[in-house]
Amino acid sequence: MKLLFIRHTSVAVPKGMCYGQTDVKLSDTFPEEAAAVNHSLSKYNIDAAYTSPLSRCVKLAAVCGFPDAIKDNRLMEMNFGDWEMQRYDEISDPRLQTWFDDYINVKATAGESFMDQRHRFQSFISSLPHDNATVAVFTHAGILIQAMTTILGHSIDEAFAAQPPYGSIIEAEI
């Protein structure tokens, strides 16, 4: 099975903002960015499409020809809990440094850890039929990083250093 992990386009959120699972608005450049993603996807014969239920992914899936993509909560970005919609440099939670020191295992306050997201991702992957299909997955940077580390074999440091930009597509075979 060929998986195409597609990151949503840019959002109308200031840089440095922790937005995770908040359903934020898309940037004004959405039409142009979505057209570019759609063009990139046109070279594939896609058999099925899944999407995070957040509007930034659902809207991109629709523009790319998949208005009925299957919504799956396991494809959502990391849940940053109490930190959502705060600037990272303004979060006053004393647990923030503990999380920065071990975000792999430590949960954001009232949220989840990298490993929690990994378990969601692995559950999604294991639920797929694993046939010869080509599947589009409209999702977030965190899920693309999970794909890079669990399917493509990148180290966590490599994956974060090469964080996929908005509108990017990562191919993976399972």
Protein backbone atom coordinates (compact mmCIF):
# COMPACT_ATOMS: atom_id res chain seq x y z
CA MET A 1 0.00 0.00 0.00
CA LYS A 2 1.21 3.48 -0.89
CA LEU A 3 0.37 6.15 1.66
CA LEU A 4 0.46 9.83 0.78
CA PHE A 5 0.63 11.92 3.94
CA ILE A 6 -0.45 15.48 3.06
CA ARG A 7 0.08 18.32 5.50
CA HIS A 8 -2.61 20.99 5.55
CA THR A 9 -1.81 24.42 4.08
CA SER A 10 -0.75 27.43 6.14
CA VAL A 11 -2.96 28.75 8.90
CA ALA A 12 -3.96 32.23 10.06
CA VAL A 13 -2.16 31.88 13.38
CA PRO A 14 0.81 33.97 14.54
CA LYS A 15 4.21 32.23 14.56
CA GLY A 16 5.09 30.74 17.92
CA MET A 17 1.47 29.94 18.77
CA CYS A 18 0.64 26.52 20.16
CA TYR A 19 -2.53 25.56 18.28
CA GLY A 20 -2.44 21.74 18.08
CA GLN A 21 -6.03 20.46 17.97
CA THR A 22 -7.68 23.89 17.95
CA ASP A 23 -9.74 24.30 14.78
CA VAL A 24 -8.00 27.42 13.44
CA LYS A 25 -8.67 29.33 10.24
CA LEU A 26 -6.64 28.90 7.09
CA SER A 27 -4.38 31.58 5.68
CA ASP A 28 -5.68 33.93 2.96
CA THR A 29 -3.34 32.11 0.57
CA PHE A 30 -5.37 28.89 0.91
CA PRO A 31 -6.73 28.91 -2.67
CA GLU A 32 -3.25 29.11 -4.21
CA GLU A 33 -1.68 26.66 -1.76
CA ALA A 34 -4.52 24.16 -2.16
CA ALA A 35 -4.29 24.38 -5.96
CA ALA A 36 -0.58 23.54 -5.74
CA VAL A 37 -1.27 20.51 -3.51
CA ASN A 38 -4.06 19.38 -5.84
CA HIS A 39 -1.68 19.66 -8.81
CA SER A 40 0.96 17.59 -6.98
CA LEU A 41 -1.61 14.91 -6.16
CA SER A 42 -2.85 14.72 -9.77
CA LYS A 43 -0.01 12.36 -10.70
CA TYR A 44 -1.40 9.69 -8.36
CA ASN A 45 -4.31 7.31 -8.85
CA ILE A 46 -5.76 7.60 -5.35
CA ASP A 47 -8.08 4.81 -4.23
CA ALA A 48 -9.14 6.13 -0.82
CA ALA A 49 -8.80 9.27 1.26
CA TYR A 50 -8.77 9.89 5.01
CA THR A 51 -8.62 13.19 6.83
CA SER A 52 -8.24 14.68 10.25
CA PRO A 53 -11.64 16.11 11.23
CA LEU A 54 -10.13 19.58 11.72
CA SER A 55 -11.33 22.01 9.05
CA ARG A 56 -7.84 22.86 7.82
CA CYS A 57 -7.52 19.25 6.59
CA VAL A 58 -11.13 18.68 5.57
CA LYS A 59 -11.10 21.78 3.34
CA LEU A 60 -7.87 20.75 1.65
CA ALA A 61 -9.21 17.23 1.04
CA ALA A 62 -12.33 18.70 -0.56
CA VAL A 63 -10.36 21.00 -2.89
CA CYS A 64 -8.22 18.02 -3.89
CA GLY A 65 -11.29 16.07 -4.98
CA PHE A 66 -12.11 14.20 -1.77
CA PRO A 67 -15.10 15.95 -0.19
CA ASP A 68 -16.16 12.61 1.30
CA ALA A 69 -12.76 11.68 2.75
CA ILE A 70 -13.18 9.53 5.84
CA LYS A 71 -12.72 11.65 8.97
CA ASP A 72 -10.60 9.97 11.60
CA ASN A 73 -9.74 11.52 14.97
CA ARG A 74 -6.54 9.49 15.12
CA LEU A 75 -5.14 11.78 12.41
CA MET A 76 -5.42 14.92 14.53
CA GLU A 77 -2.44 17.00 15.59
CA MET A 78 -1.03 16.55 19.08
CA ASN A 79 -3.35 17.68 21.85
CA PHE A 80 -1.56 20.46 23.74
CA GLY A 81 -4.33 20.68 26.34
CA ASP A 82 -4.12 23.80 28.51
CA TRP A 83 -1.43 25.28 26.26
CA GLU A 84 -3.59 25.48 23.13
CA MET A 85 -3.79 28.97 21.61
CA GLN A 86 -1.01 30.35 23.79
CA ARG A 87 2.35 31.56 22.55
CA TYR A 88 5.03 29.06 23.59
CA ASP A 89 7.12 31.86 25.10
CA GLU A 90 4.15 33.05 27.19
CA ILE A 91 3.02 29.72 28.66
CA SER A 92 3.42 30.07 32.42
CA ASP A 93 2.76 26.43 33.31
CA PRO A 94 5.68 25.17 35.45
CA ARG A 95 5.40 21.79 33.66
CA LEU A 96 6.44 23.36 30.35
CA GLN A 97 10.17 22.85 30.99
CA THR A 98 9.55 19.23 32.02
CA TRP A 99 7.72 18.73 28.72
CA PHE A 100 10.50 20.45 26.73
CA ASP A 101 13.02 18.14 28.45
CA ASP A 102 11.07 14.98 27.51
CA TYR A 103 8.21 15.75 25.09
CA ILE A 104 8.45 12.16 23.88
CA ASN A 105 6.99 10.81 27.11
CA VAL A 106 5.68 13.78 29.09
CA LYS A 107 2.14 14.94 28.36
CA ALA A 108 1.28 18.58 27.86
CA THR A 109 -0.88 19.68 30.79
CA ALA A 110 -4.36 18.20 30.12
CA GLY A 111 -3.02 17.06 26.73
CA GLU A 112 -0.89 14.28 25.32
CA SER A 113 2.71 13.30 24.66
CA PHE A 114 4.50 12.40 21.44
CA MET A 115 4.06 8.72 22.36
CA ASP A 116 0.32 9.19 22.89
CA GLN A 117 0.11 10.58 19.38
CA ARG A 118 2.24 7.69 18.12
CA HIS A 119 -0.22 5.17 19.59
CA ARG A 120 -3.08 6.93 17.76
CA PHE A 121 -1.07 6.91 14.53
CA GLN A 122 -0.15 3.22 14.84
CA SER A 123 -3.78 2.37 15.55
CA PHE A 124 -4.79 4.17 12.35
CA ILE A 125 -2.11 2.41 10.26
CA SER A 126 -3.02 -1.02 11.65
CA SER A 127 -6.68 -0.45 10.73
CA LEU A 128 -5.88 0.00 7.02
CA PRO A 129 -6.40 -3.00 4.71
CA HIS A 130 -2.73 -3.14 3.55
CA ASP A 131 -3.54 -3.95 -0.05
CA ASN A 132 -2.16 -2.44 -3.25
CA ALA A 133 -4.19 0.74 -2.87
CA THR A 134 -2.89 4.29 -2.91
CA VAL A 135 -4.31 6.17 0.06
CA ALA A 136 -4.29 9.93 0.66
CA VAL A 137 -4.10 11.04 4.29
CA PHE A 138 -4.82 14.74 4.91
CA THR A 139 -3.30 15.57 8.26
CA HIS A 140 -0.84 17.59 10.35
CA ALA A 141 2.92 17.95 10.86
CA GLY A 142 2.86 15.76 13.97
CA ILE A 143 1.34 12.86 12.06
CA LEU A 144 3.79 13.36 9.19
CA ILE A 145 6.62 13.17 11.74
CA GLN A 146 5.09 9.96 13.12
CA ALA A 147 5.10 8.54 9.57
CA MET A 148 8.69 9.61 9.06
CA THR A 149 9.84 7.89 12.24
CA THR A 150 7.71 4.74 12.25
CA ILE A 151 7.44 3.94 8.53
CA LEU A 152 10.38 5.70 6.85
CA GLY A 153 12.90 4.94 9.60
CA HIS A 154 14.03 8.49 10.42
CA SER A 155 15.21 9.20 13.93
CA ILE A 156 13.03 11.55 15.94
CA ASP A 157 15.72 14.25 15.74
CA GLU A 158 15.97 13.86 11.95
CA ALA A 159 12.20 14.05 11.53
CA PHE A 160 11.85 17.19 13.63
CA ALA A 161 14.82 18.82 11.87
CA ALA A 162 13.14 18.13 8.51
CA GLN A 163 9.61 19.05 9.61
CA PRO A 164 7.49 19.02 6.47
CA PRO A 165 6.27 22.47 5.39
CA TYR A 166 2.62 23.33 4.90
CA GLY A 167 1.13 21.61 1.85
CA SER A 168 3.88 19.01 1.61
CA ILE A 169 3.37 15.37 0.65
CA ILE A 170 5.33 12.46 2.06
CA GLU A 171 5.14 9.08 0.35
CA ALA A 172 5.43 5.88 2.34
CA GLU A 173 4.99 2.21 1.43
CA ILE A 174 3.72 -0.41 3.83
